[in-house]
N, C-alpha and C. Protein backbone atom coordinates (compact mmCIF):
# COMPACT_ATOMS: atom_id res chain seq x y z
N UNK A 1 105.64 236.66 223.09
CA UNK A 1 106.35 236.96 221.88
C UNK A 1 106.89 235.97 221.09
N UNK A 2 106.56 236.11 220.19
CA UNK A 2 106.52 235.52 218.85
C UNK A 2 108.73 235.21 218.88
N UNK A 3 108.74 233.76 218.49
CA UNK A 3 110.19 233.86 218.33
C UNK A 3 110.37 232.87 217.15
N UNK A 4 111.31 233.38 216.34
CA UNK A 4 111.82 232.51 215.34
C UNK A 4 113.18 231.54 215.54
N UNK A 5 113.23 230.36 215.18
CA UNK A 5 114.03 229.71 215.82
C UNK A 5 115.24 229.53 214.42
N UNK A 6 116.29 229.08 213.82
CA UNK A 6 117.16 228.95 212.93
C UNK A 6 117.78 227.75 213.25
N UNK A 7 117.44 226.94 212.33
CA UNK A 7 118.31 225.54 212.69
C UNK A 7 118.85 225.21 211.42
N UNK A 8 120.25 224.94 211.94
CA UNK A 8 121.33 224.80 210.80
C UNK A 8 121.85 223.70 210.45
N UNK A 9 121.90 222.78 209.51
CA UNK A 9 122.40 221.39 209.83
C UNK A 9 123.45 221.37 208.55
N UNK A 10 124.30 220.61 208.64
CA UNK A 10 125.50 220.13 207.12
C UNK A 10 125.87 218.69 207.32
N UNK A 11 125.31 218.15 206.01
CA UNK A 11 125.22 216.59 205.45
C UNK A 11 125.96 216.40 204.13
N UNK A 12 126.86 215.58 204.83
CA UNK A 12 127.37 214.73 203.64
C UNK A 12 126.23 214.84 202.06
N UNK A 13 126.91 215.47 201.17
CA UNK A 13 126.10 215.34 199.91
C UNK A 13 125.26 214.21 199.49
N UNK A 14 125.91 213.21 199.38
CA UNK A 14 125.57 211.55 199.17
C UNK A 14 123.99 211.37 200.31
N UNK A 15 123.92 212.10 201.81
CA UNK A 15 123.08 211.68 202.46
C UNK A 15 121.98 212.60 202.74
N UNK A 16 122.18 213.32 201.65
CA UNK A 16 121.21 214.50 201.47
C UNK A 16 119.39 213.92 201.25
N UNK A 17 119.32 212.87 200.59
CA UNK A 17 118.19 212.33 200.72
C UNK A 17 117.32 211.74 201.84
N UNK A 18 118.42 211.09 202.41
CA UNK A 18 118.01 210.49 203.93
C UNK A 18 117.86 211.41 204.85
N UNK A 19 118.15 212.59 204.94
CA UNK A 19 118.21 213.79 205.80
C UNK A 19 116.78 214.59 205.55
N UNK A 20 116.58 214.43 203.86
CA UNK A 20 114.89 214.91 203.58
C UNK A 20 114.04 213.99 204.18
N UNK A 21 114.04 212.74 203.93
CA UNK A 21 113.13 212.15 204.58
C UNK A 21 112.99 212.20 206.00
N UNK A 22 113.79 212.24 206.86
CA UNK A 22 113.84 212.55 208.20
C UNK A 22 113.52 213.79 208.61
N UNK A 23 113.59 214.96 207.72
CA UNK A 23 113.33 216.50 207.80
C UNK A 23 111.44 216.66 207.72
N UNK A 24 111.56 215.74 206.73
CA UNK A 24 109.71 215.78 206.07
C UNK A 24 108.83 215.19 207.64
N UNK A 25 109.66 214.05 208.35
CA UNK A 25 109.19 213.49 209.42
C UNK A 25 108.67 214.46 210.62
N UNK A 26 110.09 215.40 210.75
CA UNK A 26 110.14 215.98 211.86
C UNK A 26 108.84 217.10 211.09
N UNK A 27 108.80 218.09 210.27
CA UNK A 27 108.43 218.86 209.76
C UNK A 27 106.71 218.55 210.13
N UNK A 28 105.95 217.01 209.62
CA UNK A 28 104.85 216.64 209.79
C UNK A 28 104.28 216.65 211.41
N UNK A 29 105.73 216.02 212.24
CA UNK A 29 105.11 216.08 213.61
C UNK A 29 105.17 217.36 214.03
N UNK A 30 105.44 218.88 213.11
CA UNK A 30 105.74 219.85 214.18
C UNK A 30 104.46 220.46 213.95
N UNK A 31 104.09 220.50 212.89
CA UNK A 31 102.84 220.71 212.23
C UNK A 31 101.66 220.96 213.36
N UNK A 32 101.62 219.84 214.40
CA UNK A 32 100.42 219.43 215.65
C UNK A 32 100.84 220.14 216.91
N UNK A 33 102.23 220.59 216.60
CA UNK A 33 102.49 221.25 217.90
C UNK A 33 102.07 222.83 219.02
N UNK A 34 101.05 222.63 219.80
CA UNK A 34 100.75 223.96 220.42
C UNK A 34 102.43 225.16 220.08
N UNK A 35 101.36 226.20 219.87
CA UNK A 35 102.53 227.51 219.91
C UNK A 35 102.59 227.75 218.36
N UNK A 36 102.83 226.53 217.59
CA UNK A 36 103.84 226.03 216.11
C UNK A 36 103.13 227.59 215.31
N UNK A 37 103.69 228.21 214.54
CA UNK A 37 102.92 229.48 213.43
C UNK A 37 103.56 228.76 212.50
N UNK A 38 104.97 228.67 211.91
CA UNK A 38 104.95 228.21 210.43
C UNK A 38 106.81 227.73 210.16
N UNK A 39 106.77 227.79 209.09
CA UNK A 39 108.33 227.17 208.68
C UNK A 39 108.79 226.83 207.58
N UNK A 40 109.79 227.94 207.30
CA UNK A 40 110.18 227.37 205.90
C UNK A 40 112.00 226.68 205.66
N UNK A 41 112.19 226.25 204.54
CA UNK A 41 113.22 225.26 204.42
C UNK A 41 114.03 225.86 203.12
N UNK A 42 115.17 226.20 203.78
CA UNK A 42 116.28 226.28 202.52
C UNK A 42 117.54 225.48 201.85
N UNK A 43 118.21 225.50 201.22
CA UNK A 43 119.05 225.02 201.00
C UNK A 43 120.19 226.03 200.63
N UNK A 44 121.15 225.83 200.93
CA UNK A 44 122.70 226.79 200.10
C UNK A 44 122.79 226.17 198.58
N UNK A 45 122.96 227.46 198.11
CA UNK A 45 122.94 227.27 196.62
C UNK A 45 124.17 226.91 196.08
N UNK A 46 125.36 227.48 197.07
CA UNK A 46 126.82 227.15 196.56
C UNK A 46 127.28 226.21 197.77
N UNK A 47 127.01 225.35 198.32
CA UNK A 47 126.93 224.45 199.47
C UNK A 47 126.73 223.14 199.61
N UNK A 48 126.40 222.36 198.72
CA UNK A 48 125.66 221.33 198.95
C UNK A 48 125.69 220.61 200.12
N UNK A 49 124.56 220.32 200.67
CA UNK A 49 124.08 219.23 202.31
C UNK A 49 124.45 220.28 203.21
N UNK A 50 124.29 221.57 202.70
CA UNK A 50 124.38 222.85 203.90
C UNK A 50 122.22 223.46 203.88
N UNK A 51 121.83 223.17 204.98
CA UNK A 51 120.19 223.08 205.14
C UNK A 51 120.05 224.38 206.46
N UNK A 52 118.90 225.26 206.06
CA UNK A 52 118.64 225.67 207.28
C UNK A 52 116.76 226.09 207.01
N UNK A 53 116.10 225.80 208.38
CA UNK A 53 114.89 226.17 208.71
C UNK A 53 115.08 227.29 209.48
N UNK A 54 113.55 227.94 208.94
CA UNK A 54 112.88 229.33 210.08
C UNK A 54 111.72 228.86 210.84
N UNK A 55 111.96 228.31 211.89
CA UNK A 55 110.66 227.91 212.68
C UNK A 55 110.28 228.92 213.27
N UNK A 56 108.79 228.85 213.11
CA UNK A 56 108.26 229.94 213.93
C UNK A 56 107.26 230.05 214.68
N UNK A 57 107.69 230.53 216.15
CA UNK A 57 106.46 229.65 217.26
C UNK A 57 106.10 230.81 218.05
N UNK A 58 104.97 230.72 219.05
CA UNK A 58 104.17 232.04 219.65
C UNK A 58 105.01 232.26 221.05
N UNK A 59 105.56 231.12 221.30
CA UNK A 59 106.79 231.50 222.36
C UNK A 59 108.06 230.72 222.32
N UNK A 60 108.91 231.27 223.42
CA UNK A 60 110.12 230.38 223.38
C UNK A 60 109.34 229.31 224.55
N UNK A 61 108.80 229.34 225.13
CA UNK A 61 108.23 227.74 226.19
C UNK A 61 107.39 227.04 225.01
N UNK A 62 106.92 227.62 224.21
CA UNK A 62 106.17 226.64 223.09
C UNK A 62 107.40 225.79 222.43
N UNK A 63 108.40 226.60 222.02
CA UNK A 63 109.04 226.01 221.51
C UNK A 63 110.23 224.63 222.22
N UNK A 64 110.52 225.33 223.63
CA UNK A 64 111.21 224.57 224.66
C UNK A 64 110.18 223.14 224.41
N UNK A 65 108.97 223.48 224.96
CA UNK A 65 108.10 222.28 225.03
C UNK A 65 108.37 220.87 224.04
N UNK A 66 108.40 221.72 222.85
CA UNK A 66 108.56 220.86 221.40
C UNK A 66 109.56 220.37 221.43
N UNK A 67 110.98 220.63 222.01
CA UNK A 67 112.23 220.15 221.80
C UNK A 67 112.50 219.36 223.19
N UNK A 68 111.81 218.99 224.17
CA UNK A 68 111.35 218.53 225.30
C UNK A 68 110.35 216.89 224.75
N UNK A 69 110.03 216.74 223.78
CA UNK A 69 108.84 215.61 223.51
C UNK A 69 109.90 214.79 223.19
N UNK A 70 109.32 213.66 223.69
CA UNK A 70 110.14 212.20 223.19
C UNK A 70 109.98 212.03 221.71
N UNK A 71 109.21 212.18 221.11
CA UNK A 71 109.11 211.93 219.90
C UNK A 71 110.01 212.63 218.79
N UNK A 72 110.40 214.00 218.97
CA UNK A 72 110.92 214.92 218.55
C UNK A 72 112.49 214.65 219.11
N UNK A 73 112.84 214.37 220.29
CA UNK A 73 114.15 213.54 221.05
C UNK A 73 114.68 212.60 220.03
N UNK A 74 114.02 211.49 219.68
CA UNK A 74 114.22 210.32 218.95
C UNK A 74 114.44 210.82 217.60
N UNK A 75 113.83 211.57 217.01
CA UNK A 75 114.09 211.72 215.42
C UNK A 75 115.27 212.62 215.36
N UNK A 76 115.32 213.64 216.17
CA UNK A 76 116.56 215.06 216.47
C UNK A 76 117.84 213.69 216.70
N UNK A 77 117.56 212.81 217.40
CA UNK A 77 118.97 212.24 217.72
C UNK A 77 119.42 211.30 216.25
N UNK A 78 118.61 210.66 215.41
CA UNK A 78 118.59 210.10 213.91
C UNK A 78 119.31 211.15 213.23
N UNK A 79 118.63 212.17 213.34
CA UNK A 79 119.33 213.35 211.91
C UNK A 79 120.76 213.77 212.60
N UNK A 80 120.84 213.97 213.71
CA UNK A 80 122.31 214.07 214.06
C UNK A 80 123.21 213.13 213.87
N UNK A 81 122.97 211.92 214.06
CA UNK A 81 123.85 210.59 213.76
C UNK A 81 124.28 210.74 212.54
N UNK A 82 123.17 211.19 211.41
CA UNK A 82 123.26 211.46 209.61
C UNK A 82 124.30 212.34 209.72
N UNK A 83 124.21 213.60 210.62
CA UNK A 83 125.31 214.98 210.20
C UNK A 83 126.55 214.00 210.63
N UNK A 84 126.51 213.38 211.48
CA UNK A 84 127.72 213.26 212.58
C UNK A 84 128.61 214.49 213.45
N UNK A 85 127.14 215.74 213.52
CA UNK A 85 127.37 216.68 214.73
C UNK A 85 126.26 217.08 214.83
N UNK A 86 126.19 217.76 216.20
CA UNK A 86 124.88 218.41 216.71
C UNK A 86 124.33 219.26 215.77
N UNK A 87 123.00 219.56 215.11
CA UNK A 87 122.08 220.36 214.77
C UNK A 87 122.29 221.82 215.41
N UNK A 88 122.38 222.97 214.96
CA UNK A 88 122.84 224.10 215.40
C UNK A 88 121.55 224.59 215.63
N UNK A 89 121.38 225.50 216.78
CA UNK A 89 120.18 226.14 216.87
C UNK A 89 120.29 227.91 217.48
N UNK A 90 119.78 228.81 216.87
CA UNK A 90 119.56 230.10 216.91
C UNK A 90 118.35 231.26 217.04
N UNK A 91 117.98 231.29 218.20
CA UNK A 91 116.71 231.78 218.88
C UNK A 91 116.75 233.09 218.58
N UNK A 92 115.75 233.84 217.99
CA UNK A 92 115.41 234.97 218.01
C UNK A 92 113.79 235.90 218.29
N UNK A 93 114.04 236.69 218.88
CA UNK A 93 112.80 237.59 218.77
C UNK A 93 113.01 238.88 218.36
N UNK A 94 111.47 239.40 218.31
CA UNK A 94 111.07 240.90 217.44
C UNK A 94 112.10 241.78 218.61
N UNK A 95 112.90 242.55 218.20
CA UNK A 95 113.43 243.54 218.83
C UNK A 95 112.60 244.86 219.49
């Protein structure tokens, strides 16, 4: 069953360009992952520096395998360091 992963981040406004660069790298890596279906990126219109990605995967196991890959872990650590806090994740499936 497909799952949607909401990935939420908040970064200081002056660090948005650096975060965008890291997220583009993450997106490029994600495109080649088994089970990856699609992704959409959003920014809040009323709060600069707040973003959300909705990532769709064929299964929860596919998502988990991606989260355990070394290349993702390394890039995610860079992102969280830039944010100054951990990225937040919420995982949903069709009811």
